[in-house]
Every structure is written in C-alpha cells, then in structure tokens.
C-alpha cells in the first residue's frame, strides 16, 4: 500500500517524500520509539532520511545501519591526482577481490547480473532529460528511486550510525572509504567489513554475516 502511494507521487517524487510516507506508515502502527533502521544499497539513503525526519519530530532513533550504501555527499578533500590515483587503485582491487566469484559464475552470469544496472542508469539519464523538458510522466519504481537519489541533497543527522561495507567493493582503497557518510553523521560512525560484494551481500552465502552484525548491534542496545 505504501509503495503504491509513493509511486503515484509523480513529479513530486523525492527521497524526502518517500521517507515521509514511510515515516507516516510507521507512526500509524508504532507511535513511539526507539526506531531501528537498516538499509541496503539505495535503501541506506532512505533509512538515513527516515531516521533524520523521525529525530526532527522528537522521536528516539536506535540503530541506524547502512549496508554497502553510499550517499551523494562531499568526501575527503583530495587533489585531482590523488583522487584519480585512489579510484584506479580501488578499481584494480575490486577486480582482484571479485575474480574468484566471476570465474565461478562464468562470463554469461557476470554479464546478466550487470545488464539491468547499465540499462537503469541509461534509462534514467534519458528520463531526466525528458522530464526537464516537460516530457513523460511514466516511470518504473527503480527509475523513480534512482532519480530521487541522484537529486537528493542530504542534511546532517545528529545521531550515530553503523556502516557495513562489503570487502570485495574495496571501499578502503577509494577516495572516500566512508562512502559519503562522514560529513553527515554527527555522532559516532562505526564500520564493519563483511565478506562478499555488493551483488552478493544479501545472498544466502553472505547475508548471514550481515545479519549477525546487525543482530549483535541490536543486542547491545
């Protein structure tokens, strides 16, 4: 029901409106906190905005967990040369770390996994250009979420958070090992690295490790 309401927002669709709709749905069922959130990939951005809005309303937010999700926010200040050097090193490390998985899956599976992502990015760029000129108002949910995330301008959050990074994504070698969260989380930002890549993080083989991290942090509260 909430997803249907969100999809019908049309041109008003944004991360803020998505989070506000989910916050309203939550408060209708549970009027008092603490509220715990964990979001994977783009879901991390939605979880962040929901926690921020609930905190602004005076509610208590407990665990806020980002599972291999980055956010469009300024990272460390680096020279152009240093940034490109870190990008190249991260790309090389990603290839090395993921090599075993790619060999095991085979080239066909490798391509089939990534085609939807390439198509989504290509379609979103075309839709954004069409939208600016007053064109189509028909979008799929993944397209809407991607456009909303690209347009999102996050505000700081006073609380703390947990960042779960996938080892094979080689975030520690890139320009911003904290995936954009360091400038937004004003409390403590804890980091835990788990096995696997972004595409395998929630699979049966690696999802257990993520679940154990989240369960442990919840038990500590």
C-alpha atoms as a PDB file:
ATOM      1  CA  UNK A   1       0.000   0.000   0.000  1.00  0.00           C
ATOM      2  CA  UNK A   2       2.783   2.433   0.912  1.00  0.00           C
ATOM      3  CA  UNK A   3       4.643   1.626  -2.325  1.00  0.00           C
ATOM      4  CA  UNK A   4       1.511   2.348  -4.372  1.00  0.00           C
ATOM      5  CA  UNK A   5       1.062   5.719  -2.676  1.00  0.00           C
ATOM      6  CA  UNK A   6       4.710   6.587  -3.308  1.00  0.00           C
ATOM      7  CA  UNK A   7       4.597   5.628  -6.977  1.00  0.00           C
ATOM      8  CA  UNK A   8       1.597   7.883  -7.505  1.00  0.00           C
ATOM      9  CA  UNK A   9       3.542  10.967  -6.388  1.00  0.00           C
ATOM     10  CA  UNK A  10       4.729  11.562  -9.964  1.00  0.00           C
ATOM     11  CA  UNK A  11       6.764  14.744 -10.291  1.00  0.00           C
ATOM     12  CA  UNK A  12       6.748  15.311  -6.524  1.00  0.00           C
ATOM     13  CA  UNK A  13       8.720  12.093  -6.015  1.00  0.00           C
ATOM     14  CA  UNK A  14      11.873  12.643  -3.943  1.00  0.00           C
ATOM     15  CA  UNK A  15      13.825  10.943  -1.181  1.00  0.00           C
ATOM     16  CA  UNK A  16      12.228  13.308   1.306  1.00  0.00           C
ATOM     17  CA  UNK A  17       8.679  12.418   0.200  1.00  0.00           C
ATOM     18  CA  UNK A  18       9.465   8.694   0.098  1.00  0.00           C
ATOM     19  CA  UNK A  19      10.852   8.832   3.643  1.00  0.00           C
ATOM     20  CA  UNK A  20       7.924  10.961   4.861  1.00  0.00           C
ATOM     21  CA  UNK A  21       5.395   8.440   3.543  1.00  0.00           C
ATOM     22  CA  UNK A  22       7.192   5.553   5.219  1.00  0.00           C
ATOM     23  CA  UNK A  23       7.532   7.527   8.456  1.00  0.00           C
ATOM     24  CA  UNK A  24       3.782   8.173   8.473  1.00  0.00           C
ATOM     25  CA  UNK A  25       3.099   4.474   7.879  1.00  0.00           C
ATOM     26  CA  UNK A  26       5.398   3.524  10.771  1.00  0.00           C
ATOM     27  CA  UNK A  27       3.924   6.050  13.203  1.00  0.00           C
ATOM     28  CA  UNK A  28       0.415   4.836  12.442  1.00  0.00           C
ATOM     29  CA  UNK A  29       1.431   1.391  13.683  1.00  0.00           C
ATOM     30  CA  UNK A  30       4.029   2.319  16.312  1.00  0.00           C
ATOM     31  CA  UNK A  31       3.650   5.828  17.725  1.00  0.00           C
ATOM     32  CA  UNK A  32       6.735   5.709  19.965  1.00  0.00           C
ATOM     33  CA  UNK A  33      10.350   4.629  19.559  1.00  0.00           C
ATOM     34  CA  UNK A  34      13.026   3.603  19.682  1.00  0.00           C
ATOM     35  CA  UNK A  35      13.009   3.007  15.915  1.00  0.00           C
ATOM     36  CA  UNK A  36      15.707   0.874  14.301  1.00  0.00           C
ATOM     37  CA  UNK A  37      16.641   1.076  10.623  1.00  0.00           C
ATOM     38  CA  UNK A  38      18.878  -0.905   8.293  1.00  0.00           C
ATOM     39  CA  UNK A  39      19.035  -0.193   4.581  1.00  0.00           C
ATOM     40  CA  UNK A  40      20.948  -1.916   1.776  1.00  0.00           C
ATOM     41  CA  UNK A  41      22.277  -0.002  -1.249  1.00  0.00           C
ATOM     42  CA  UNK A  42      19.789   2.809  -2.072  1.00  0.00           C
ATOM     43  CA  UNK A  43      17.771   1.656   0.920  1.00  0.00           C
ATOM     44  CA  UNK A  44      20.547   3.071   3.110  1.00  0.00           C
ATOM     45  CA  UNK A  45      19.725   6.566   1.840  1.00  0.00           C
ATOM     46  CA  UNK A  46      16.010   6.085   2.550  1.00  0.00           C
ATOM     47  CA  UNK A  47      16.801   4.720   6.030  1.00  0.00           C
ATOM     48  CA  UNK A  48      19.002   7.760   6.700  1.00  0.00           C
ATOM     49  CA  UNK A  49      16.311  10.234   5.667  1.00  0.00           C
ATOM     50  CA  UNK A  50      13.655   8.387   7.687  1.00  0.00           C
ATOM     51  CA  UNK A  51      15.852   8.461  10.797  1.00  0.00           C
ATOM     52  CA  UNK A  52      16.594  12.140  10.235  1.00  0.00           C
ATOM     53  CA  UNK A  53      12.888  13.007   9.915  1.00  0.00           C
ATOM     54  CA  UNK A  54      11.888  10.964  12.967  1.00  0.00           C
ATOM     55  CA  UNK A  55      14.627  12.581  15.052  1.00  0.00           C
ATOM     56  CA  UNK A  56      13.458  16.018  13.886  1.00  0.00           C
ATOM     57  CA  UNK A  57       9.964  15.103  15.117  1.00  0.00           C
ATOM     58  CA  UNK A  58      11.389  14.328  18.559  1.00  0.00           C
ATOM     59  CA  UNK A  59      11.318  10.532  18.316  1.00  0.00           C
ATOM     60  CA  UNK A  60      14.071   8.263  19.558  1.00  0.00           C
ATOM     61  CA  UNK A  61      16.096   6.518  16.862  1.00  0.00           C
ATOM     62  CA  UNK A  62      18.026   3.424  17.880  1.00  0.00           C
ATOM     63  CA  UNK A  63      20.209   1.553  15.425  1.00  0.00           C
ATOM     64  CA  UNK A  64      20.775   3.171  12.045  1.00  0.00           C
ATOM     65  CA  UNK A  65      22.672   0.810   9.755  1.00  0.00           C
ATOM     66  CA  UNK A  66      23.892   1.401   6.190  1.00  0.00           C
ATOM     67  CA  UNK A  67      24.625  -1.847   4.335  1.00  0.00           C
ATOM     68  CA  UNK A  68      27.030  -1.105   1.477  1.00  0.00           C
ATOM     69  CA  UNK A  69      25.124   2.030   0.544  1.00  0.00           C
ATOM     70  CA  UNK A  70      26.836   5.275  -0.429  1.00  0.00           C
ATOM     71  CA  UNK A  71      25.335   8.739  -0.464  1.00  0.00           C
ATOM     72  CA  UNK A  72      25.873  11.860  -2.632  1.00  0.00           C
ATOM     73  CA  UNK A  73      27.750  13.955  -0.079  1.00  0.00           C
ATOM     74  CA  UNK A  74      31.226  15.546  -0.046  1.00  0.00           C
ATOM     75  CA  UNK A  75      34.051  13.226   0.961  1.00  0.00           C
ATOM     76  CA  UNK A  76      37.648  13.953   1.956  1.00  0.00           C
ATOM     77  CA  UNK A  77      39.334  16.831   0.190  1.00  0.00           C
ATOM     78  CA  UNK A  78      41.874  15.423  -2.247  1.00  0.00           C
ATOM     79  CA  UNK A  79      43.839  16.784  -5.147  1.00  0.00           C
ATOM     80  CA  UNK A  80      42.687  15.655  -8.576  1.00  0.00           C
ATOM     81  CA  UNK A  81      45.786  13.480  -8.946  1.00  0.00           C
ATOM     82  CA  UNK A  82      45.274  11.833  -5.540  1.00  0.00           C
ATOM     83  CA  UNK A  83      41.580  11.213  -6.237  1.00  0.00           C
ATOM     84  CA  UNK A  84      42.237   9.565  -9.604  1.00  0.00           C
ATOM     85  CA  UNK A  85      45.040   7.502  -8.105  1.00  0.00           C
ATOM     86  CA  UNK A  86      42.684   6.163  -5.418  1.00  0.00           C
ATOM     87  CA  UNK A  87      39.962   5.478  -7.992  1.00  0.00           C
ATOM     88  CA  UNK A  88      42.398   3.429 -10.099  1.00  0.00           C
ATOM     89  CA  UNK A  89      43.663   1.502  -7.053  1.00  0.00           C
ATOM     90  CA  UNK A  90      40.102   0.739  -5.932  1.00  0.00           C
ATOM     91  CA  UNK A  91      39.103  -0.463  -9.405  1.00  0.00           C
ATOM     92  CA  UNK A  92      42.133  -2.750  -9.535  1.00  0.00           C
ATOM     93  CA  UNK A  93      41.433  -4.139  -6.066  1.00  0.00           C
ATOM     94  CA  UNK A  94      37.771  -4.748  -6.937  1.00  0.00           C
ATOM     95  CA  UNK A  95      38.820  -6.809  -9.953  1.00  0.00           C
ATOM     96  CA  UNK A  96      41.228  -8.868  -7.860  1.00  0.00           C
ATOM     97  CA  UNK A  97      38.769  -9.393  -4.991  1.00  0.00           C
ATOM     98  CA  UNK A  98      35.893 -10.362  -7.289  1.00  0.00           C
ATOM     99  CA  UNK A  99      37.932 -12.543  -9.647  1.00  0.00           C
ATOM    100  CA  UNK A 100      37.105 -15.788  -7.859  1.00  0.00           C
ATOM    101  CA  UNK A 101      33.361 -15.081  -7.906  1.00  0.00           C
ATOM    102  CA  UNK A 102      33.402 -14.144 -11.574  1.00  0.00           C
ATOM    103  CA  UNK A 103      35.255 -17.331 -12.554  1.00  0.00           C
ATOM    104  CA  UNK A 104      32.862 -19.470 -10.529  1.00  0.00           C
ATOM    105  CA  UNK A 105      29.761 -17.818 -12.026  1.00  0.00           C
ATOM    106  CA  UNK A 106      31.030 -17.697 -15.587  1.00  0.00           C
ATOM    107  CA  UNK A 107      31.015 -14.807 -18.108  1.00  0.00           C
ATOM    108  CA  UNK A 108      27.327 -15.175 -19.027  1.00  0.00           C
ATOM    109  CA  UNK A 109      26.144 -14.834 -15.434  1.00  0.00           C
ATOM    110  CA  UNK A 110      28.571 -11.953 -14.933  1.00  0.00           C
ATOM    111  CA  UNK A 111      27.033 -10.033 -17.854  1.00  0.00           C
ATOM    112  CA  UNK A 112      23.424 -10.907 -16.989  1.00  0.00           C
ATOM    113  CA  UNK A 113      23.871  -9.597 -13.444  1.00  0.00           C
ATOM    114  CA  UNK A 114      25.120  -6.235 -14.627  1.00  0.00           C
ATOM    115  CA  UNK A 115      22.927  -5.561 -17.655  1.00  0.00           C
ATOM    116  CA  UNK A 116      19.912  -4.387 -15.584  1.00  0.00           C
ATOM    117  CA  UNK A 117      22.126  -1.889 -13.761  1.00  0.00           C
ATOM    118  CA  UNK A 118      23.557  -0.474 -17.010  1.00  0.00           C
ATOM    119  CA  UNK A 119      20.060  -0.254 -18.538  1.00  0.00           C
ATOM    120  CA  UNK A 120      18.695   1.506 -15.450  1.00  0.00           C
ATOM    121  CA  UNK A 121      21.419   4.161 -15.478  1.00  0.00           C
ATOM    122  CA  UNK A 122      20.995   4.738 -19.231  1.00  0.00           C
ATOM    123  CA  UNK A 123      17.189   4.997 -18.993  1.00  0.00           C
ATOM    124  CA  UNK A 124      17.351   7.351 -16.022  1.00  0.00           C
ATOM    125  CA  UNK A 125      19.598   9.803 -17.871  1.00  0.00           C
ATOM    126  CA  UNK A 126      17.136   9.869 -20.787  1.00  0.00           C
ATOM    127  CA  UNK A 127      14.148  10.261 -18.464  1.00  0.00           C
ATOM    128  CA  UNK A 128      15.786  13.112 -16.559  1.00  0.00           C
ATOM    129  CA  UNK A 129      16.384  14.984 -19.820  1.00  0.00           C
ATOM    130  CA  UNK A 130      12.790  14.327 -20.920  1.00  0.00           C
ATOM    131  CA  UNK A 131      11.406  15.355 -17.530  1.00  0.00           C
ATOM    132  CA  UNK A 132      13.197  18.709 -17.627  1.00  0.00           C
ATOM    133  CA  UNK A 133      11.568  19.478 -20.966  1.00  0.00           C
ATOM    134  CA  UNK A 134       8.110  18.545 -19.662  1.00  0.00           C
ATOM    135  CA  UNK A 135       8.057  15.098 -21.235  1.00  0.00           C
ATOM    136  CA  UNK A 136       6.983  11.694 -19.957  1.00  0.00           C
ATOM    137  CA  UNK A 137       5.451  11.251 -16.533  1.00  0.00           C
ATOM    138  CA  UNK A 138       5.547   7.445 -16.635  1.00  0.00           C
ATOM    139  CA  UNK A 139       8.299   5.761 -14.626  1.00  0.00           C
ATOM    140  CA  UNK A 140       9.086   2.418 -13.050  1.00  0.00           C
ATOM    141  CA  UNK A 141       9.804   2.291  -9.321  1.00  0.00           C
ATOM    142  CA  UNK A 142      13.565   1.622  -9.807  1.00  0.00           C
ATOM    143  CA  UNK A 143      13.765   4.611 -12.167  1.00  0.00           C
ATOM    144  CA  UNK A 144      11.946   6.871  -9.722  1.00  0.00           C
ATOM    145  CA  UNK A 145      14.179   5.806  -6.834  1.00  0.00           C
ATOM    146  CA  UNK A 146      17.344   6.301  -8.891  1.00  0.00           C
ATOM    147  CA  UNK A 147      16.274   9.790  -9.996  1.00  0.00           C
ATOM    148  CA  UNK A 148      15.285  10.693  -6.443  1.00  0.00           C
ATOM    149  CA  UNK A 149      18.646   9.517  -5.118  1.00  0.00           C
ATOM    150  CA  UNK A 150      20.557  11.482  -7.756  1.00  0.00           C
ATOM    151  CA  UNK A 151      18.631  14.649  -6.899  1.00  0.00           C
ATOM    152  CA  UNK A 152      18.847  14.174  -3.124  1.00  0.00           C
ATOM    153  CA  UNK A 153      20.662  16.852  -1.102  1.00  0.00           C
ATOM    154  CA  UNK A 154      21.029  15.303   2.364  1.00  0.00           C
ATOM    155  CA  UNK A 155      21.087  17.276   5.590  1.00  0.00           C
ATOM    156  CA  UNK A 156      23.181  16.282   8.643  1.00  0.00           C
ATOM    157  CA  UNK A 157      21.922  13.776  11.198  1.00  0.00           C
ATOM    158  CA  UNK A 158      22.832  14.329  14.856  1.00  0.00           C
ATOM    159  CA  UNK A 159      22.798  10.663  15.833  1.00  0.00           C
ATOM    160  CA  UNK A 160      25.221   7.774  15.322  1.00  0.00           C
ATOM    161  CA  UNK A 161      25.260   5.068  12.660  1.00  0.00           C
ATOM    162  CA  UNK A 162      26.796   1.760  11.649  1.00  0.00           C
ATOM    163  CA  UNK A 163      28.346   1.366   8.202  1.00  0.00           C
ATOM    164  CA  UNK A 164      28.618  -2.206   6.906  1.00  0.00           C
ATOM    165  CA  UNK A 165      30.969  -2.382   3.918  1.00  0.00           C
ATOM    166  CA  UNK A 166      31.392  -5.284   1.507  1.00  0.00           C
ATOM    167  CA  UNK A 167      35.034  -6.326   1.348  1.00  0.00           C
ATOM    168  CA  UNK A 168      35.079  -7.018  -2.392  1.00  0.00           C
ATOM    169  CA  UNK A 169      33.969  -3.469  -3.217  1.00  0.00           C
ATOM    170  CA  UNK A 170      37.394  -2.281  -1.977  1.00  0.00           C
ATOM    171  CA  UNK A 171      35.967   0.845  -0.382  1.00  0.00           C
ATOM    172  CA  UNK A 172      39.020   1.225   1.874  1.00  0.00           C
ATOM    173  CA  UNK A 173      41.180   1.884  -1.192  1.00  0.00           C
ATOM    174  CA  UNK A 174      38.911   4.509  -2.793  1.00  0.00           C
ATOM    175  CA  UNK A 175      38.689   8.303  -2.497  1.00  0.00           C
ATOM    176  CA  UNK A 176      36.079   8.086   0.277  1.00  0.00           C
ATOM    177  CA  UNK A 177      36.258   4.917   2.398  1.00  0.00           C
ATOM    178  CA  UNK A 178      33.258   6.155   4.420  1.00  0.00           C
ATOM    179  CA  UNK A 179      31.030   6.337   1.309  1.00  0.00           C
ATOM    180  CA  UNK A 180      29.941   9.951   1.927  1.00  0.00           C
ATOM    181  CA  UNK A 181      28.560   9.397   5.439  1.00  0.00           C
ATOM    182  CA  UNK A 182      31.367  11.096   7.387  1.00  0.00           C
ATOM    183  CA  UNK A 183      30.112  14.603   6.595  1.00  0.00           C
ATOM    184  CA  UNK A 184      26.506  13.759   7.525  1.00  0.00           C
ATOM    185  CA  UNK A 185      26.694  11.619  10.678  1.00  0.00           C
ATOM    186  CA  UNK A 186      27.456  13.956  13.562  1.00  0.00           C
ATOM    187  CA  UNK A 187      27.603  11.193  16.176  1.00  0.00           C
ATOM    188  CA  UNK A 188      29.788   8.089  16.016  1.00  0.00           C
ATOM    189  CA  UNK A 189      30.167   6.274  12.706  1.00  0.00           C
ATOM    190  CA  UNK A 190      31.205   2.671  13.314  1.00  0.00           C
ATOM    191  CA  UNK A 191      32.466   0.499  10.459  1.00  0.00           C
ATOM    192  CA  UNK A 192      32.276  -3.260   9.991  1.00  0.00           C
ATOM    193  CA  UNK A 193      33.536  -5.060   6.882  1.00  0.00           C
ATOM    194  CA  UNK A 194      31.813  -8.266   5.741  1.00  0.00           C
ATOM    195  CA  UNK A 195      32.708 -10.818   3.040  1.00  0.00           C
ATOM    196  CA  UNK A 196      31.355 -10.560  -0.497  1.00  0.00           C
ATOM    197  CA  UNK A 197      30.467  -7.857  -2.979  1.00  0.00           C
ATOM    198  CA  UNK A 198      27.513  -5.545  -3.478  1.00  0.00           C
ATOM    199  CA  UNK A 199      25.765  -8.097  -5.699  1.00  0.00           C
ATOM    200  CA  UNK A 200      26.345 -10.990  -3.274  1.00  0.00           C
ATOM    201  CA  UNK A 201      25.927  -9.201   0.068  1.00  0.00           C
ATOM    202  CA  UNK A 202      22.321 -10.305   0.575  1.00  0.00           C
ATOM    203  CA  UNK A 203      22.751 -13.786  -0.935  1.00  0.00           C
ATOM    204  CA  UNK A 204      22.413 -16.904   1.268  1.00  0.00           C
ATOM    205  CA  UNK A 205      26.186 -17.270   1.279  1.00  0.00           C
ATOM    206  CA  UNK A 206      26.971 -13.786   2.647  1.00  0.00           C
ATOM    207  CA  UNK A 207      23.663 -12.490   4.031  1.00  0.00           C
ATOM    208  CA  UNK A 208      24.193 -14.401   7.274  1.00  0.00           C
ATOM    209  CA  UNK A 209      27.310 -12.368   8.077  1.00  0.00           C
ATOM    210  CA  UNK A 210      25.393  -9.120   7.576  1.00  0.00           C
ATOM    211  CA  UNK A 211      22.509 -10.369   9.726  1.00  0.00           C
ATOM    212  CA  UNK A 212      24.897 -11.344  12.519  1.00  0.00           C
ATOM    213  CA  UNK A 213      26.423  -7.865  12.565  1.00  0.00           C
ATOM    214  CA  UNK A 214      23.009  -6.186  12.756  1.00  0.00           C
ATOM    215  CA  UNK A 215      21.730  -8.600  15.416  1.00  0.00           C
ATOM    216  CA  UNK A 216      24.833  -8.053  17.557  1.00  0.00           C
ATOM    217  CA  UNK A 217      24.462  -4.279  17.435  1.00  0.00           C
ATOM    218  CA  UNK A 218      20.772  -4.521  18.299  1.00  0.00           C
ATOM    219  CA  UNK A 219      21.542  -6.752  21.280  1.00  0.00           C
ATOM    220  CA  UNK A 220      23.998  -4.167  22.583  1.00  0.00           C
ATOM    221  CA  UNK A 221      21.270  -1.543  22.845  1.00  0.00           C
END
